[in-house]
Amino acid sequence: MSRSIEHNTAEKRFQWLEDGQLCVLDYELHGDVMIITHTGVPEAVGGRGIAADLARTALDTARARGWKVRPLCSYVDAWMRRQRGGYDDLLAS
């Protein structure tokens, strides 16, 4: 399934509405570093790959905008590690 994740720049989040449940990936932007602070998918809609889609969209957006990424969110940190280096170039030092 392809989701059109919304980038809500005013709220500094990526979001998706699934069955009436708001799913989010929150971040802070410091200069050109996106600090990913939280990913939340309500239990009622969990297990559908939504968090992965949010992470992928956020990281692809960071790459397109020339941002580095600091994944403070444990989910995104683990997800990036599972991608076999596909997003290592984005990691901020």
N, C-alpha and C. Protein backbone atom coordinates (compact mmCIF):
# COMPACT_ATOMS: atom_id res chain seq x y z
N MET A 1 0.85 -1.19 0.00
CA MET A 1 0.00 0.00 0.00
C MET A 1 0.89 1.24 0.00
N SER A 2 0.55 2.18 -0.82
CA SER A 2 1.28 3.43 -0.89
C SER A 2 0.49 4.50 -0.15
N ARG A 3 1.15 5.12 0.82
CA ARG A 3 0.50 6.17 1.59
C ARG A 3 1.07 7.52 1.19
N SER A 4 0.22 8.52 1.09
CA SER A 4 0.66 9.89 0.85
C SER A 4 0.78 10.58 2.20
N ILE A 5 1.91 10.35 2.86
CA ILE A 5 2.16 10.93 4.17
C ILE A 5 2.22 12.45 4.01
N GLU A 6 1.55 13.16 4.90
CA GLU A 6 1.55 14.62 4.88
C GLU A 6 2.70 15.15 5.72
N HIS A 7 3.44 16.12 5.16
CA HIS A 7 4.48 16.81 5.92
C HIS A 7 3.86 18.10 6.44
N ASN A 8 3.54 18.12 7.71
CA ASN A 8 2.94 19.28 8.35
C ASN A 8 4.08 20.13 8.90
N THR A 9 4.56 21.07 8.09
CA THR A 9 5.73 21.86 8.48
C THR A 9 5.44 22.78 9.66
N ALA A 10 4.22 23.26 9.79
CA ALA A 10 3.87 24.14 10.90
C ALA A 10 4.00 23.41 12.24
N GLU A 11 3.63 22.14 12.27
CA GLU A 11 3.71 21.34 13.49
C GLU A 11 5.02 20.56 13.60
N LYS A 12 5.85 20.65 12.56
CA LYS A 12 7.09 19.87 12.47
C LYS A 12 6.80 18.38 12.71
N ARG A 13 6.00 17.86 11.82
CA ARG A 13 5.65 16.44 11.92
C ARG A 13 5.23 15.90 10.56
N PHE A 14 5.37 14.61 10.44
CA PHE A 14 4.83 13.87 9.32
C PHE A 14 3.64 13.13 9.88
N GLN A 15 2.55 13.09 9.12
CA GLN A 15 1.33 12.51 9.69
C GLN A 15 0.52 11.76 8.65
N TRP A 16 -0.26 10.84 9.18
CA TRP A 16 -1.13 10.01 8.37
C TRP A 16 -2.36 9.67 9.20
N LEU A 17 -3.53 9.75 8.62
CA LEU A 17 -4.76 9.39 9.29
C LEU A 17 -5.18 8.00 8.80
N GLU A 18 -5.23 7.05 9.71
CA GLU A 18 -5.59 5.66 9.38
C GLU A 18 -6.83 5.29 10.19
N ASP A 19 -7.92 5.02 9.51
CA ASP A 19 -9.16 4.65 10.20
C ASP A 19 -9.51 5.63 11.31
N GLY A 20 -9.32 6.92 11.05
CA GLY A 20 -9.65 7.95 12.02
C GLY A 20 -8.62 8.15 13.12
N GLN A 21 -7.51 7.42 13.06
CA GLN A 21 -6.46 7.51 14.07
C GLN A 21 -5.27 8.28 13.51
N LEU A 22 -4.83 9.32 14.23
CA LEU A 22 -3.70 10.11 13.78
C LEU A 22 -2.38 9.41 14.14
N CYS A 23 -1.55 9.20 13.13
CA CYS A 23 -0.24 8.58 13.28
C CYS A 23 0.79 9.66 12.95
N VAL A 24 1.84 9.79 13.78
CA VAL A 24 2.75 10.91 13.60
C VAL A 24 4.21 10.52 13.78
N LEU A 25 5.06 11.31 13.16
CA LEU A 25 6.49 11.31 13.42
C LEU A 25 6.84 12.78 13.66
N ASP A 26 7.26 13.09 14.89
CA ASP A 26 7.58 14.46 15.28
C ASP A 26 9.07 14.70 15.18
N TYR A 27 9.42 15.92 14.84
CA TYR A 27 10.84 16.28 14.75
C TYR A 27 11.06 17.73 15.14
N GLU A 28 12.30 18.06 15.40
CA GLU A 28 12.74 19.44 15.59
C GLU A 28 13.77 19.70 14.51
N LEU A 29 13.87 20.93 14.09
CA LEU A 29 14.85 21.27 13.07
C LEU A 29 15.80 22.31 13.66
N HIS A 30 17.06 21.93 13.74
CA HIS A 30 18.11 22.83 14.24
C HIS A 30 19.11 23.04 13.11
N GLY A 31 19.01 24.20 12.47
CA GLY A 31 19.85 24.44 11.31
C GLY A 31 19.48 23.46 10.22
N ASP A 32 20.44 22.64 9.82
CA ASP A 32 20.18 21.63 8.80
C ASP A 32 20.17 20.22 9.39
N VAL A 33 19.82 20.11 10.68
CA VAL A 33 19.73 18.81 11.34
C VAL A 33 18.29 18.57 11.80
N MET A 34 17.71 17.49 11.28
CA MET A 34 16.37 17.06 11.70
C MET A 34 16.55 16.11 12.88
N ILE A 35 16.05 16.51 14.03
CA ILE A 35 16.11 15.67 15.21
C ILE A 35 14.75 15.00 15.37
N ILE A 36 14.71 13.70 15.12
CA ILE A 36 13.45 12.96 15.19
C ILE A 36 13.22 12.56 16.64
N THR A 37 12.14 13.09 17.22
CA THR A 37 11.91 12.93 18.65
C THR A 37 10.88 11.86 19.02
N HIS A 38 9.96 11.56 18.12
CA HIS A 38 8.86 10.66 18.50
C HIS A 38 8.15 10.13 17.26
N THR A 39 7.82 8.86 17.32
CA THR A 39 6.94 8.26 16.32
C THR A 39 5.80 7.60 17.08
N GLY A 40 4.58 7.92 16.71
CA GLY A 40 3.44 7.36 17.40
C GLY A 40 2.38 6.84 16.46
N VAL A 41 2.05 5.56 16.66
CA VAL A 41 0.97 4.93 15.91
C VAL A 41 0.05 4.28 16.94
N PRO A 42 -1.20 4.71 17.01
CA PRO A 42 -2.11 4.12 17.99
C PRO A 42 -2.21 2.60 17.83
N GLU A 43 -2.34 1.92 18.94
CA GLU A 43 -2.39 0.46 18.95
C GLU A 43 -3.48 -0.10 18.03
N ALA A 44 -4.59 0.62 17.94
CA ALA A 44 -5.72 0.16 17.13
C ALA A 44 -5.36 0.00 15.65
N VAL A 45 -4.32 0.73 15.18
CA VAL A 45 -3.93 0.64 13.77
C VAL A 45 -2.47 0.20 13.63
N GLY A 46 -1.93 -0.35 14.68
CA GLY A 46 -0.55 -0.82 14.65
C GLY A 46 -0.39 -2.06 13.78
N GLY A 47 0.85 -2.35 13.43
CA GLY A 47 1.14 -3.56 12.66
C GLY A 47 0.84 -3.45 11.18
N ARG A 48 0.62 -2.26 10.69
CA ARG A 48 0.28 -2.07 9.27
C ARG A 48 1.41 -1.41 8.48
N GLY A 49 2.56 -1.22 9.12
CA GLY A 49 3.69 -0.61 8.43
C GLY A 49 3.65 0.90 8.39
N ILE A 50 2.77 1.50 9.18
CA ILE A 50 2.61 2.95 9.14
C ILE A 50 3.85 3.65 9.68
N ALA A 51 4.39 3.18 10.80
CA ALA A 51 5.58 3.82 11.38
C ALA A 51 6.75 3.76 10.40
N ALA A 52 6.90 2.65 9.70
CA ALA A 52 7.97 2.53 8.70
C ALA A 52 7.76 3.53 7.57
N ASP A 53 6.53 3.69 7.13
CA ASP A 53 6.24 4.66 6.07
C ASP A 53 6.52 6.09 6.53
N LEU A 54 6.18 6.39 7.78
CA LEU A 54 6.47 7.71 8.33
C LEU A 54 7.98 7.94 8.36
N ALA A 55 8.73 6.94 8.83
CA ALA A 55 10.19 7.06 8.91
C ALA A 55 10.79 7.25 7.52
N ARG A 56 10.39 6.42 6.59
CA ARG A 56 10.93 6.50 5.22
C ARG A 56 10.65 7.87 4.60
N THR A 57 9.43 8.37 4.78
CA THR A 57 9.07 9.67 4.22
C THR A 57 9.89 10.78 4.85
N ALA A 58 10.05 10.74 6.18
CA ALA A 58 10.83 11.77 6.87
C ALA A 58 12.28 11.74 6.40
N LEU A 59 12.87 10.57 6.30
CA LEU A 59 14.27 10.45 5.88
C LEU A 59 14.46 10.84 4.42
N ASP A 60 13.53 10.47 3.58
CA ASP A 60 13.62 10.87 2.17
C ASP A 60 13.48 12.38 2.03
N THR A 61 12.64 12.98 2.87
CA THR A 61 12.50 14.44 2.86
C THR A 61 13.79 15.09 3.32
N ALA A 62 14.38 14.55 4.38
CA ALA A 62 15.66 15.09 4.87
C ALA A 62 16.72 15.03 3.77
N ARG A 63 16.81 13.92 3.09
CA ARG A 63 17.79 13.77 2.01
C ARG A 63 17.55 14.80 0.91
N ALA A 64 16.29 14.95 0.51
CA ALA A 64 15.95 15.88 -0.57
C ALA A 64 16.27 17.33 -0.20
N ARG A 65 16.19 17.64 1.08
CA ARG A 65 16.43 19.02 1.53
C ARG A 65 17.86 19.25 2.01
N GLY A 66 18.68 18.21 1.95
CA GLY A 66 20.07 18.37 2.35
C GLY A 66 20.28 18.40 3.86
N TRP A 67 19.31 17.85 4.61
CA TRP A 67 19.42 17.82 6.06
C TRP A 67 20.14 16.57 6.53
N LYS A 68 20.78 16.66 7.66
CA LYS A 68 21.29 15.50 8.38
C LYS A 68 20.20 15.10 9.37
N VAL A 69 20.32 13.91 9.95
CA VAL A 69 19.29 13.38 10.85
C VAL A 69 19.92 12.88 12.14
N ARG A 70 19.27 13.19 13.25
CA ARG A 70 19.65 12.62 14.54
C ARG A 70 18.40 11.92 15.07
N PRO A 71 18.35 10.59 15.02
CA PRO A 71 17.16 9.85 15.44
C PRO A 71 17.14 9.59 16.95
N LEU A 72 16.55 10.50 17.72
CA LEU A 72 16.41 10.28 19.16
C LEU A 72 15.28 9.30 19.45
N CYS A 73 14.35 9.19 18.54
CA CYS A 73 13.26 8.22 18.66
C CYS A 73 13.82 6.81 18.48
N SER A 74 13.59 5.95 19.46
CA SER A 74 14.16 4.59 19.40
C SER A 74 13.64 3.80 18.20
N TYR A 75 12.37 4.02 17.82
CA TYR A 75 11.84 3.29 16.66
C TYR A 75 12.61 3.66 15.40
N VAL A 76 12.77 4.96 15.13
CA VAL A 76 13.45 5.39 13.91
C VAL A 76 14.92 4.97 13.93
N ASP A 77 15.56 5.06 15.08
CA ASP A 77 16.94 4.61 15.20
C ASP A 77 17.06 3.14 14.80
N ALA A 78 16.21 2.30 15.35
CA ALA A 78 16.23 0.86 15.02
C ALA A 78 15.86 0.62 13.56
N TRP A 79 14.88 1.36 13.05
CA TRP A 79 14.45 1.18 11.67
C TRP A 79 15.60 1.51 10.72
N MET A 80 16.31 2.61 11.00
CA MET A 80 17.45 2.99 10.15
C MET A 80 18.52 1.90 10.14
N ARG A 81 18.78 1.30 11.28
CA ARG A 81 19.79 0.23 11.37
C ARG A 81 19.39 -0.98 10.52
N ARG A 82 18.09 -1.25 10.45
CA ARG A 82 17.61 -2.40 9.66
C ARG A 82 17.68 -2.16 8.16
N GLN A 83 17.94 -0.94 7.73
CA GLN A 83 17.94 -0.62 6.30
C GLN A 83 19.29 -0.89 5.64
N ARG A 84 20.17 -1.58 6.33
CA ARG A 84 21.47 -2.00 5.78
C ARG A 84 22.26 -0.83 5.18
N GLY A 85 22.31 0.26 5.92
CA GLY A 85 23.13 1.39 5.49
C GLY A 85 22.48 2.32 4.50
N GLY A 86 21.26 2.06 4.13
CA GLY A 86 20.60 2.88 3.12
C GLY A 86 20.39 4.33 3.50
N TYR A 87 20.46 4.61 4.80
CA TYR A 87 20.27 5.99 5.26
C TYR A 87 21.43 6.46 6.12
N ASP A 88 22.51 5.69 6.19
CA ASP A 88 23.66 6.07 7.03
C ASP A 88 24.25 7.42 6.64
N ASP A 89 24.16 7.77 5.37
CA ASP A 89 24.73 9.05 4.93
C ASP A 89 24.02 10.24 5.55
N LEU A 90 22.83 10.03 6.10
CA LEU A 90 22.06 11.12 6.69
C LEU A 90 22.40 11.37 8.16
N LEU A 91 23.06 10.42 8.80
CA LEU A 91 23.32 10.54 10.24
C LEU A 91 24.20 11.74 10.57
N ALA A 92 23.70 12.57 11.49
CA ALA A 92 24.47 13.72 11.97
C ALA A 92 25.50 13.23 12.98
N SER A 93 26.64 13.88 12.99
CA SER A 93 27.67 13.48 13.95
C SER A 93 27.42 14.08 15.30
